[in-house]
Each structure stands twice: as C-alpha cells, then as structure tokens.
C-alpha atoms as a PDB file:
ATOM      1  CA  UNK A   1      33.951 -28.664   2.551  1.00  0.00           C
ATOM      2  CA  UNK A   2      30.462 -27.696   4.117  1.00  0.00           C
ATOM      3  CA  UNK A   3      30.252 -28.457   7.811  1.00  0.00           C
ATOM      4  CA  UNK A   4      27.850 -30.933   9.372  1.00  0.00           C
ATOM      5  CA  UNK A   5      25.822 -28.254  10.395  1.00  0.00           C
ATOM      6  CA  UNK A   6      25.429 -27.127   6.585  1.00  0.00           C
ATOM      7  CA  UNK A   7      24.068 -30.643   6.615  1.00  0.00           C
ATOM      8  CA  UNK A   8      22.095 -30.794   9.460  1.00  0.00           C
ATOM      9  CA  UNK A   9      20.433 -27.316   8.375  1.00  0.00           C
ATOM     10  CA  UNK A  10      19.798 -28.850   4.554  1.00  0.00           C
ATOM     11  CA  UNK A  11      18.391 -32.211   5.649  1.00  0.00           C
ATOM     12  CA  UNK A  12      15.918 -30.319   8.081  1.00  0.00           C
ATOM     13  CA  UNK A  13      14.693 -27.886   5.267  1.00  0.00           C
ATOM     14  CA  UNK A  14      13.844 -31.226   3.058  1.00  0.00           C
ATOM     15  CA  UNK A  15      12.133 -32.666   5.808  1.00  0.00           C
ATOM     16  CA  UNK A  16      10.506 -29.541   6.868  1.00  0.00           C
ATOM     17  CA  UNK A  17       8.998 -29.199   2.875  1.00  0.00           C
ATOM     18  CA  UNK A  18       7.879 -32.500   2.311  1.00  0.00           C
ATOM     19  CA  UNK A  19       5.982 -32.727   5.615  1.00  0.00           C
ATOM     20  CA  UNK A  20       4.294 -29.327   4.617  1.00  0.00           C
ATOM     21  CA  UNK A  21       3.480 -30.981   1.471  1.00  0.00           C
ATOM     22  CA  UNK A  22       1.707 -34.333   2.284  1.00  0.00           C
ATOM     23  CA  UNK A  23       0.415 -33.577   6.193  1.00  0.00           C
ATOM     24  CA  UNK A  24      -2.714 -31.358   6.838  1.00  0.00           C
ATOM     25  CA  UNK A  25      -0.113 -28.514   8.520  1.00  0.00           C
ATOM     26  CA  UNK A  26      -2.002 -21.997  10.417  1.00  0.00           C
ATOM     27  CA  UNK A  27      -3.616 -20.580   7.653  1.00  0.00           C
ATOM     28  CA  UNK A  28      -4.034 -16.724   8.407  1.00  0.00           C
ATOM     29  CA  UNK A  29      -3.942 -15.522   5.152  1.00  0.00           C
ATOM     30  CA  UNK A  30      -7.498 -16.267   3.246  1.00  0.00           C
ATOM     31  CA  UNK A  31      -7.961 -15.044   0.337  1.00  0.00           C
ATOM     32  CA  UNK A  32     -10.826 -12.189   0.086  1.00  0.00           C
ATOM     33  CA  UNK A  33     -13.999 -13.829  -1.971  1.00  0.00           C
ATOM     34  CA  UNK A  34     -14.707 -10.624  -3.545  1.00  0.00           C
ATOM     35  CA  UNK A  35     -18.035 -11.887  -5.550  1.00  0.00           C
ATOM     36  CA  UNK A  36     -19.034 -13.692  -2.360  1.00  0.00           C
ATOM     37  CA  UNK A  37     -19.381 -16.676  -4.801  1.00  0.00           C
ATOM     38  CA  UNK A  38     -15.904 -18.158  -4.434  1.00  0.00           C
ATOM     39  CA  UNK A  39     -16.695 -19.530  -8.003  1.00  0.00           C
ATOM     40  CA  UNK A  40     -13.511 -19.114  -9.825  1.00  0.00           C
ATOM     41  CA  UNK A  41     -12.652 -19.342 -13.093  1.00  0.00           C
ATOM     42  CA  UNK A  42      -9.376 -21.613 -12.418  1.00  0.00           C
ATOM     43  CA  UNK A  43      -9.964 -24.709 -10.298  1.00  0.00           C
ATOM     44  CA  UNK A  44      -5.835 -24.653  -9.677  1.00  0.00           C
ATOM     45  CA  UNK A  45      -3.876 -21.227  -8.619  1.00  0.00           C
ATOM     46  CA  UNK A  46      -0.081 -21.129  -8.340  1.00  0.00           C
ATOM     47  CA  UNK A  47       1.498 -17.851  -7.835  1.00  0.00           C
ATOM     48  CA  UNK A  48       5.000 -17.117  -7.137  1.00  0.00           C
ATOM     49  CA  UNK A  49       6.021 -13.989  -4.941  1.00  0.00           C
ATOM     50  CA  UNK A  50       2.158 -13.589  -4.043  1.00  0.00           C
ATOM     51  CA  UNK A  51       3.094 -10.352  -1.565  1.00  0.00           C
ATOM     52  CA  UNK A  52       5.678  -8.104   0.219  1.00  0.00           C
ATOM     53  CA  UNK A  53       4.773  -6.723   3.801  1.00  0.00           C
ATOM     54  CA  UNK A  54       6.389  -5.489   6.851  1.00  0.00           C
ATOM     55  CA  UNK A  55       5.102  -5.839  10.949  1.00  0.00           C
ATOM     56  CA  UNK A  56       5.750  -4.776  14.039  1.00  0.00           C
ATOM     57  CA  UNK A  57       4.173  -6.398  17.311  1.00  0.00           C
ATOM     58  CA  UNK A  58       3.982  -4.972  20.225  1.00  0.00           C
ATOM     59  CA  UNK A  59       7.339  -5.327  21.762  1.00  0.00           C
ATOM     60  CA  UNK A  60       8.873  -3.473  18.721  1.00  0.00           C
ATOM     61  CA  UNK A  61      10.215  -6.111  17.150  1.00  0.00           C
ATOM     62  CA  UNK A  62      10.003  -4.996  13.262  1.00  0.00           C
ATOM     63  CA  UNK A  63      10.335  -7.413  10.230  1.00  0.00           C
ATOM     64  CA  UNK A  64       9.733  -7.658   6.826  1.00  0.00           C
ATOM     65  CA  UNK A  65       8.129 -11.091   4.994  1.00  0.00           C
ATOM     66  CA  UNK A  66       7.110 -12.271   1.377  1.00  0.00           C
ATOM     67  CA  UNK A  67       4.651 -15.167   0.813  1.00  0.00           C
ATOM     68  CA  UNK A  68       6.957 -16.808  -1.640  1.00  0.00           C
ATOM     69  CA  UNK A  69       4.789 -19.241  -3.084  1.00  0.00           C
ATOM     70  CA  UNK A  70       0.702 -19.924  -2.876  1.00  0.00           C
ATOM     71  CA  UNK A  71      -0.882 -23.222  -4.736  1.00  0.00           C
ATOM     72  CA  UNK A  72      -4.442 -22.940  -4.369  1.00  0.00           C
ATOM     73  CA  UNK A  73      -7.278 -25.450  -5.391  1.00  0.00           C
ATOM     74  CA  UNK A  74     -11.073 -25.171  -5.733  1.00  0.00           C
ATOM     75  CA  UNK A  75     -13.644 -27.754  -5.290  1.00  0.00           C
ATOM     76  CA  UNK A  76     -17.116 -27.561  -6.967  1.00  0.00           C
ATOM     77  CA  UNK A  77     -16.607 -23.783  -6.567  1.00  0.00           C
ATOM     78  CA  UNK A  78     -17.067 -23.311  -2.748  1.00  0.00           C
ATOM     79  CA  UNK A  79     -14.204 -25.734  -0.876  1.00  0.00           C
ATOM     80  CA  UNK A  80     -10.584 -24.134  -0.937  1.00  0.00           C
ATOM     81  CA  UNK A  81      -7.536 -25.797  -0.429  1.00  0.00           C
ATOM     82  CA  UNK A  82      -4.232 -23.658  -0.120  1.00  0.00           C
ATOM     83  CA  UNK A  83      -0.625 -24.089   0.498  1.00  0.00           C
ATOM     84  CA  UNK A  84       1.421 -21.318   0.823  1.00  0.00           C
ATOM     85  CA  UNK A  85       5.384 -20.944   1.808  1.00  0.00           C
ATOM     86  CA  UNK A  86       6.579 -17.725   3.312  1.00  0.00           C
ATOM     87  CA  UNK A  87       9.763 -16.594   4.194  1.00  0.00           C
ATOM     88  CA  UNK A  88      10.679 -13.570   7.032  1.00  0.00           C
ATOM     89  CA  UNK A  89      13.880 -11.543   8.196  1.00  0.00           C
ATOM     90  CA  UNK A  90      14.323  -9.692  11.465  1.00  0.00           C
ATOM     91  CA  UNK A  91      15.039  -6.263  10.492  1.00  0.00           C
ATOM     92  CA  UNK A  92      15.645  -4.796  13.971  1.00  0.00           C
ATOM     93  CA  UNK A  93      14.102  -3.634  17.523  1.00  0.00           C
ATOM     94  CA  UNK A  94      13.248  -5.062  21.059  1.00  0.00           C
ATOM     95  CA  UNK A  95      14.848  -7.014  23.688  1.00  0.00           C
ATOM     96  CA  UNK A  96      15.128 -10.786  22.284  1.00  0.00           C
ATOM     97  CA  UNK A  97      16.987 -11.557  25.820  1.00  0.00           C
ATOM     98  CA  UNK A  98      13.611 -10.539  26.950  1.00  0.00           C
ATOM     99  CA  UNK A  99      11.388 -13.958  27.099  1.00  0.00           C
ATOM    100  CA  UNK A 100       7.981 -12.412  26.455  1.00  0.00           C
ATOM    101  CA  UNK A 101       9.704 -10.526  23.391  1.00  0.00           C
ATOM    102  CA  UNK A 102      11.252 -13.660  22.306  1.00  0.00           C
ATOM    103  CA  UNK A 103       7.992 -15.375  22.614  1.00  0.00           C
ATOM    104  CA  UNK A 104       6.034 -13.199  20.405  1.00  0.00           C
ATOM    105  CA  UNK A 105       9.072 -12.958  18.002  1.00  0.00           C
ATOM    106  CA  UNK A 106       9.043 -17.067  17.734  1.00  0.00           C
ATOM    107  CA  UNK A 107       5.337 -17.891  17.409  1.00  0.00           C
ATOM    108  CA  UNK A 108       4.594 -15.430  14.976  1.00  0.00           C
ATOM    109  CA  UNK A 109       2.404 -17.210  12.246  1.00  0.00           C
ATOM    110  CA  UNK A 110       4.156 -16.011   9.229  1.00  0.00           C
ATOM    111  CA  UNK A 111       7.610 -15.695  11.027  1.00  0.00           C
ATOM    112  CA  UNK A 112      10.254 -17.940   9.862  1.00  0.00           C
ATOM    113  CA  UNK A 113      13.443 -18.679   7.731  1.00  0.00           C
ATOM    114  CA  UNK A 114      11.201 -21.228   5.807  1.00  0.00           C
ATOM    115  CA  UNK A 115       7.367 -21.326   6.898  1.00  0.00           C
ATOM    116  CA  UNK A 116       5.077 -23.722   5.649  1.00  0.00           C
ATOM    117  CA  UNK A 117       0.622 -23.510   5.915  1.00  0.00           C
ATOM    118  CA  UNK A 118      -1.975 -25.447   4.456  1.00  0.00           C
ATOM    119  CA  UNK A 119      -5.430 -24.438   5.264  1.00  0.00           C
ATOM    120  CA  UNK A 120      -8.602 -26.222   4.062  1.00  0.00           C
ATOM    121  CA  UNK A 121     -12.187 -24.027   4.299  1.00  0.00           C
ATOM    122  CA  UNK A 122     -15.660 -24.353   3.160  1.00  0.00           C
ATOM    123  CA  UNK A 123     -18.815 -22.081   3.248  1.00  0.00           C
ATOM    124  CA  UNK A 124     -21.472 -22.446   6.235  1.00  0.00           C
ATOM    125  CA  UNK A 125     -23.984 -20.565   4.389  1.00  0.00           C
ATOM    126  CA  UNK A 126     -23.890 -19.447   0.982  1.00  0.00           C
ATOM    127  CA  UNK A 127     -25.028 -15.537   1.359  1.00  0.00           C
ATOM    128  CA  UNK A 128     -23.149 -12.889  -0.021  1.00  0.00           C
ATOM    129  CA  UNK A 129     -20.507 -12.776   2.063  1.00  0.00           C
ATOM    130  CA  UNK A 130     -20.462 -16.832   3.344  1.00  0.00           C
ATOM    131  CA  UNK A 131     -19.268 -17.657   6.756  1.00  0.00           C
ATOM    132  CA  UNK A 132     -16.096 -19.774   5.867  1.00  0.00           C
ATOM    133  CA  UNK A 133     -14.830 -22.684   8.667  1.00  0.00           C
ATOM    134  CA  UNK A 134     -11.245 -23.002   8.448  1.00  0.00           C
ATOM    135  CA  UNK A 135      -9.374 -25.942   9.100  1.00  0.00           C
ATOM    136  CA  UNK A 136      -5.067 -24.777   9.398  1.00  0.00           C
ATOM    137  CA  UNK A 137      -2.133 -25.813  10.285  1.00  0.00           C
ATOM    138  CA  UNK A 138       1.630 -25.390   9.502  1.00  0.00           C
ATOM    139  CA  UNK A 139       5.302 -25.640  10.212  1.00  0.00           C
ATOM    140  CA  UNK A 140       8.736 -23.415  10.511  1.00  0.00           C
ATOM    141  CA  UNK A 141      12.131 -23.502  10.632  1.00  0.00           C
ATOM    142  CA  UNK A 142      13.215 -20.054  11.996  1.00  0.00           C
ATOM    143  CA  UNK A 143      16.579 -18.419  12.441  1.00  0.00           C
ATOM    144  CA  UNK A 144      15.886 -16.716  15.261  1.00  0.00           C
ATOM    145  CA  UNK A 145      18.308 -13.642  14.801  1.00  0.00           C
ATOM    146  CA  UNK A 146      19.221 -14.447  18.583  1.00  0.00           C
ATOM    147  CA  UNK A 147      22.807 -14.335  19.502  1.00  0.00           C
ATOM    148  CA  UNK A 148      23.368 -17.927  21.319  1.00  0.00           C
ATOM    149  CA  UNK A 149      25.678 -18.494  23.935  1.00  0.00           C
ATOM    150  CA  UNK A 150      28.853 -21.258  23.403  1.00  0.00           C
ATOM    151  CA  UNK A 151      28.044 -21.216  19.493  1.00  0.00           C
ATOM    152  CA  UNK A 152      24.763 -23.455  20.163  1.00  0.00           C
ATOM    153  CA  UNK A 153      22.810 -22.842  16.548  1.00  0.00           C
ATOM    154  CA  UNK A 154      19.715 -20.252  16.750  1.00  0.00           C
ATOM    155  CA  UNK A 155      17.073 -22.425  14.669  1.00  0.00           C
ATOM    156  CA  UNK A 156      14.095 -22.801  15.949  1.00  0.00           C
ATOM    157  CA  UNK A 157      11.350 -25.546  14.792  1.00  0.00           C
ATOM    158  CA  UNK A 158       7.281 -24.902  15.733  1.00  0.00           C
ATOM    159  CA  UNK A 159       4.038 -26.196  14.363  1.00  0.00           C
ATOM    160  CA  UNK A 160       0.180 -25.225  14.975  1.00  0.00           C
ATOM    161  CA  UNK A 161      -2.677 -27.013  14.179  1.00  0.00           C
ATOM    162  CA  UNK A 162      -6.464 -25.591  14.760  1.00  0.00           C
ATOM    163  CA  UNK A 163      -9.791 -24.189  13.551  1.00  0.00           C
ATOM    164  CA  UNK A 164     -11.806 -20.997  12.926  1.00  0.00           C
ATOM    165  CA  UNK A 165     -14.030 -18.879  11.424  1.00  0.00           C
ATOM    166  CA  UNK A 166     -13.559 -16.266   8.535  1.00  0.00           C
ATOM    167  CA  UNK A 167     -16.338 -13.546   7.822  1.00  0.00           C
ATOM    168  CA  UNK A 168     -15.759 -10.816   5.591  1.00  0.00           C
ATOM    169  CA  UNK A 169     -17.510  -7.617   4.609  1.00  0.00           C
ATOM    170  CA  UNK A 170     -17.887  -5.598   1.858  1.00  0.00           C
ATOM    171  CA  UNK A 171     -16.928  -1.474   2.808  1.00  0.00           C
ATOM    172  CA  UNK A 172     -17.244   0.254  -0.345  1.00  0.00           C
ATOM    173  CA  UNK A 173     -16.749  -0.548  -4.059  1.00  0.00           C
ATOM    174  CA  UNK A 174     -16.919   2.037  -6.665  1.00  0.00           C
ATOM    175  CA  UNK A 175     -18.997   0.969 -10.029  1.00  0.00           C
ATOM    176  CA  UNK A 176     -15.841   0.086 -12.377  1.00  0.00           C
ATOM    177  CA  UNK A 177     -14.461  -2.026  -9.376  1.00  0.00           C
ATOM    178  CA  UNK A 178     -10.971   0.642  -9.192  1.00  0.00           C
ATOM    179  CA  UNK A 179     -11.574   1.336  -6.100  1.00  0.00           C
ATOM    180  CA  UNK A 180     -12.579  -1.183  -3.084  1.00  0.00           C
ATOM    181  CA  UNK A 181     -12.657  -1.977   0.009  1.00  0.00           C
ATOM    182  CA  UNK A 182     -13.099  -4.949   2.274  1.00  0.00           C
ATOM    183  CA  UNK A 183     -13.102  -6.057   5.842  1.00  0.00           C
ATOM    184  CA  UNK A 184     -12.555  -9.322   7.623  1.00  0.00           C
ATOM    185  CA  UNK A 185     -12.003 -11.064  10.801  1.00  0.00           C
ATOM    186  CA  UNK A 186     -10.451 -14.497  11.517  1.00  0.00           C
ATOM    187  CA  UNK A 187     -11.118 -15.803  15.184  1.00  0.00           C
ATOM    188  CA  UNK A 188      -9.616 -19.154  15.706  1.00  0.00           C
ATOM    189  CA  UNK A 189      -8.038 -21.414  18.339  1.00  0.00           C
ATOM    190  CA  UNK A 190      -5.170 -23.519  17.805  1.00  0.00           C
ATOM    191  CA  UNK A 191      -2.339 -25.521  19.707  1.00  0.00           C
ATOM    192  CA  UNK A 192       1.419 -24.929  19.138  1.00  0.00           C
ATOM    193  CA  UNK A 193       4.357 -27.240  19.598  1.00  0.00           C
ATOM    194  CA  UNK A 194       7.981 -27.370  19.531  1.00  0.00           C
ATOM    195  CA  UNK A 195      10.698 -29.663  20.942  1.00  0.00           C
ATOM    196  CA  UNK A 196      11.958 -30.035  24.726  1.00  0.00           C
ATOM    197  CA  UNK A 197      15.124 -28.905  23.654  1.00  0.00           C
ATOM    198  CA  UNK A 198      13.877 -25.332  21.979  1.00  0.00           C
ATOM    199  CA  UNK A 199      11.811 -24.790  25.325  1.00  0.00           C
ATOM    200  CA  UNK A 200      15.064 -25.542  27.405  1.00  0.00           C
ATOM    201  CA  UNK A 201      17.508 -23.133  24.885  1.00  0.00           C
ATOM    202  CA  UNK A 202      15.347 -20.326  23.917  1.00  0.00           C
ATOM    203  CA  UNK A 203      13.068 -20.348  27.495  1.00  0.00           C
ATOM    204  CA  UNK A 204      15.098 -21.981  29.797  1.00  0.00           C
ATOM    205  CA  UNK A 205      12.301 -24.421  30.511  1.00  0.00           C
ATOM    206  CA  UNK A 206       9.753 -21.847  31.416  1.00  0.00           C
ATOM    207  CA  UNK A 207       7.681 -22.600  28.098  1.00  0.00           C
ATOM    208  CA  UNK A 208       5.412 -25.533  27.811  1.00  0.00           C
ATOM    209  CA  UNK A 209       6.545 -27.628  24.621  1.00  0.00           C
ATOM    210  CA  UNK A 210       2.144 -27.644  23.976  1.00  0.00           C
ATOM    211  CA  UNK A 211       0.383 -25.064  24.094  1.00  0.00           C
ATOM    212  CA  UNK A 212      -2.926 -23.763  23.634  1.00  0.00           C
ATOM    213  CA  UNK A 213      -3.298 -20.144  22.435  1.00  0.00           C
ATOM    214  CA  UNK A 214      -6.700 -18.202  20.796  1.00  0.00           C
ATOM    215  CA  UNK A 215      -6.073 -16.027  17.983  1.00  0.00           C
ATOM    216  CA  UNK A 216      -7.897 -13.253  15.996  1.00  0.00           C
ATOM    217  CA  UNK A 217      -6.871 -11.783  12.884  1.00  0.00           C
ATOM    218  CA  UNK A 218      -8.289  -8.854  11.337  1.00  0.00           C
ATOM    219  CA  UNK A 219      -7.986  -6.217   8.866  1.00  0.00           C
ATOM    220  CA  UNK A 220      -8.778  -3.799   5.526  1.00  0.00           C
ATOM    221  CA  UNK A 221      -7.652  -4.997   1.886  1.00  0.00           C
ATOM    222  CA  UNK A 222      -7.910  -1.657  -0.105  1.00  0.00           C
ATOM    223  CA  UNK A 223      -8.265  -1.763  -3.909  1.00  0.00           C
ATOM    224  CA  UNK A 224      -7.507  -5.528  -3.608  1.00  0.00           C
ATOM    225  CA  UNK A 225      -3.771  -5.036  -3.448  1.00  0.00           C
ATOM    226  CA  UNK A 226      -3.078  -2.798  -0.065  1.00  0.00           C
ATOM    227  CA  UNK A 227      -3.809  -5.321   2.791  1.00  0.00           C
ATOM    228  CA  UNK A 228      -3.475  -3.757   6.641  1.00  0.00           C
ATOM    229  CA  UNK A 229      -3.770  -6.845   9.356  1.00  0.00           C
ATOM    230  CA  UNK A 230      -3.831  -6.959  12.600  1.00  0.00           C
ATOM    231  CA  UNK A 231      -2.992  -9.660  14.835  1.00  0.00           C
ATOM    232  CA  UNK A 232      -3.913 -10.641  18.407  1.00  0.00           C
ATOM    233  CA  UNK A 233      -2.676 -13.911  20.336  1.00  0.00           C
ATOM    234  CA  UNK A 234      -2.539 -15.504  23.584  1.00  0.00           C
ATOM    235  CA  UNK A 235      -1.830 -18.196  24.913  1.00  0.00           C
ATOM    236  CA  UNK A 236      -4.738 -20.133  27.076  1.00  0.00           C
ATOM    237  CA  UNK A 237      -2.296 -22.768  28.976  1.00  0.00           C
ATOM    238  CA  UNK A 238      -0.876 -20.769  31.537  1.00  0.00           C
ATOM    239  CA  UNK A 239       3.154 -20.548  31.988  1.00  0.00           C
ATOM    240  CA  UNK A 240       5.367 -20.259  34.989  1.00  0.00           C
ATOM    241  CA  UNK A 241       5.968 -16.793  34.146  1.00  0.00           C
ATOM    242  CA  UNK A 242       3.322 -14.443  34.163  1.00  0.00           C
ATOM    243  CA  UNK A 243       4.622 -12.028  31.233  1.00  0.00           C
ATOM    244  CA  UNK A 244       4.453 -14.798  29.047  1.00  0.00           C
ATOM    245  CA  UNK A 245       0.699 -15.300  29.232  1.00  0.00           C
ATOM    246  CA  UNK A 246      -0.142 -11.328  28.024  1.00  0.00           C
ATOM    247  CA  UNK A 247      -1.694 -11.067  25.007  1.00  0.00           C
ATOM    248  CA  UNK A 248       0.573 -10.618  22.033  1.00  0.00           C
ATOM    249  CA  UNK A 249      -0.193  -7.702  19.178  1.00  0.00           C
ATOM    250  CA  UNK A 250       0.887  -7.304  15.675  1.00  0.00           C
ATOM    251  CA  UNK A 251       0.283  -4.999  13.203  1.00  0.00           C
ATOM    252  CA  UNK A 252       1.387  -5.620   9.467  1.00  0.00           C
ATOM    253  CA  UNK A 253       1.054  -3.730   6.396  1.00  0.00           C
ATOM    254  CA  UNK A 254       1.172  -5.936   2.758  1.00  0.00           C
ATOM    255  CA  UNK A 255       1.422  -5.284  -0.767  1.00  0.00           C
ATOM    256  CA  UNK A 256      -0.288  -8.283  -3.128  1.00  0.00           C
ATOM    257  CA  UNK A 257       0.769  -8.768  -6.229  1.00  0.00           C
ATOM    258  CA  UNK A 258      -1.983  -9.470  -8.201  1.00  0.00           C
ATOM    259  CA  UNK A 259      -2.792  -9.921 -12.203  1.00  0.00           C
ATOM    260  CA  UNK A 260      -5.231  -6.900 -13.432  1.00  0.00           C
ATOM    261  CA  UNK A 261      -8.352  -8.368 -15.075  1.00  0.00           C
ATOM    262  CA  UNK A 262      -8.581  -8.665 -18.568  1.00  0.00           C
ATOM    263  CA  UNK A 263      -9.970  -5.889 -20.918  1.00  0.00           C
ATOM    264  CA  UNK A 264     -12.935  -7.596 -22.820  1.00  0.00           C
ATOM    265  CA  UNK A 265     -13.998  -5.694 -25.805  1.00  0.00           C
ATOM    266  CA  UNK A 266     -17.422  -6.346 -27.251  1.00  0.00           C
ATOM    267  CA  UNK A 267     -16.343  -5.566 -30.858  1.00  0.00           C
ATOM    268  CA  UNK A 268     -19.884  -6.905 -31.794  1.00  0.00           C
ATOM    269  CA  UNK A 269     -21.531  -3.424 -29.798  1.00  0.00           C
ATOM    270  CA  UNK A 270     -19.713  -1.088 -32.359  1.00  0.00           C
ATOM    271  CA  UNK A 271     -20.988  -2.782 -35.536  1.00  0.00           C
ATOM    272  CA  UNK A 272     -23.624  -1.498 -37.426  1.00  0.00           C
ATOM    273  CA  UNK A 273     -26.481  -3.869 -38.384  1.00  0.00           C
ATOM    274  CA  UNK A 274     -26.194  -4.802 -42.021  1.00  0.00           C
ATOM    275  CA  UNK A 275     -28.437  -3.034 -44.390  1.00  0.00           C
END
C-alpha cells in the first residue's frame, strides 16, 4: 500500500507539470540559430531526449543531467516560444552540509528531479547574428540528495522568472558545414522564490524566500552537437551569511542529439539534354 508521502509526491509532480504547461514560467537553453535567420522549416518541433550532459560547480558537486523533452514553436519565422523538461542527478562531491555549497547545488538552473522551463524570445534587430531579447521562467521539484534529520523530506521546490539578452557569433565553419564552432553569451536578471518552510529546513532560515540574482551563460558549441557551457550567478539580495553572497560558477559539458540533415541529390543535374 502506498504511503502518504508517495501520494503527496505524485500529487506535487502532477501540479508542477500543470503549472509549467499553463504559465509563462529560467530558460537558459536557447538554441543556436546557425544561419541567423531563424527561418525554420517547421513551426513546431518536439524532441525527446534532446541532450545528455555532466557538470561540476565551484564547490565540487558533480552532476549529470538530461533535457528529456523539448517543445519549440516559431511564429513568423522570428518569435520563438519553447518548453523544456530537465532531469538532474547528483553523482558525488561537495559538502552539502555547508550552506554555500547547498545554495549552489539547489539553485542550479537545470537542477531537479523534475525541472520545467518556458521561454519567449524575439530578435531586437535582424543582422546575420541578431541580438535577442528573452523572457523566461521555470520551476523545479528537486530531490536534494541531502540526508535530512528526523526523516524529513529532502524534496525542495523553487521557481524563477526573469529577462535577459542572447547574442551569438560564428567562430568558424567549413564550407560543407561539417566542422563548425559557435560562441554565445547570455546575461540575465531574475528572481527566485521558495517556501518559508524550505528556507527553514535547508538554510536554517538564513536564505530569503524571494531573491534577486544576476546570471551569465556563455559557451562554445562545436559541430552543432558538443556544447561547453559556463554558468555564473550571484545573489543581489544580501544574505545574513557572507558565504551566500559569493558568485557561483558551474561548468557543463553536453552532447546534443540533433538529426542529420537530409542529403538532397539533384538528379536532374546528372541528366544529359535530350538530342
């Protein structure tokens, strides 16, 4: 017979997924627009298991993650709206009893057993590499991996909303596009929320329930599949414990499963004109 805790967990998962699908919920996974036009052939794209990756933060916590589901919609070839579902698992490392380590671990943008992110972005100008404005938000239900006293639940919920800009540049690309490199930078300003009960359980009440923070995502994507990403974030809302105010760094490496472009053979070019 299922325990009340199992029923509560399932209920939270259902509510969490519904909220992600119905509200403008930290979208920091904006895809590279390789040709700069964003003139996609498909107006709706659905991908399952879009990427697999691993990362380590500045406190030594090592994790693996996957983008389990990606749904992208395009309007007029320029405006993009996307919903992504992530799942993250902690392997080892870091002293999660240390509050600064715990904060970096729990506020990881892709962290969580279930992590939903919704983004809306559009170009401000339309050069080859347009500067894009983004509005984003998300929520997560996270099994923290922290052993809690008195058999308390280790599940932690948090929510984020914010705005930012996304700029990308082509570093190199061969003529047949088989070898390429794209660099991007994405600064943002966002606010995070958590329940007062979670602040008391995980931070002994030292973490505010509403936090302003700034973030920067920058990285390099090679051959449109291998992506190296550096995350930098810092709370702007001053916390009582000084170690909670330091910048947090995280380095991620991921492999993105993208379909191969179909080879188009123009057979008409091989035909000789009829005599």
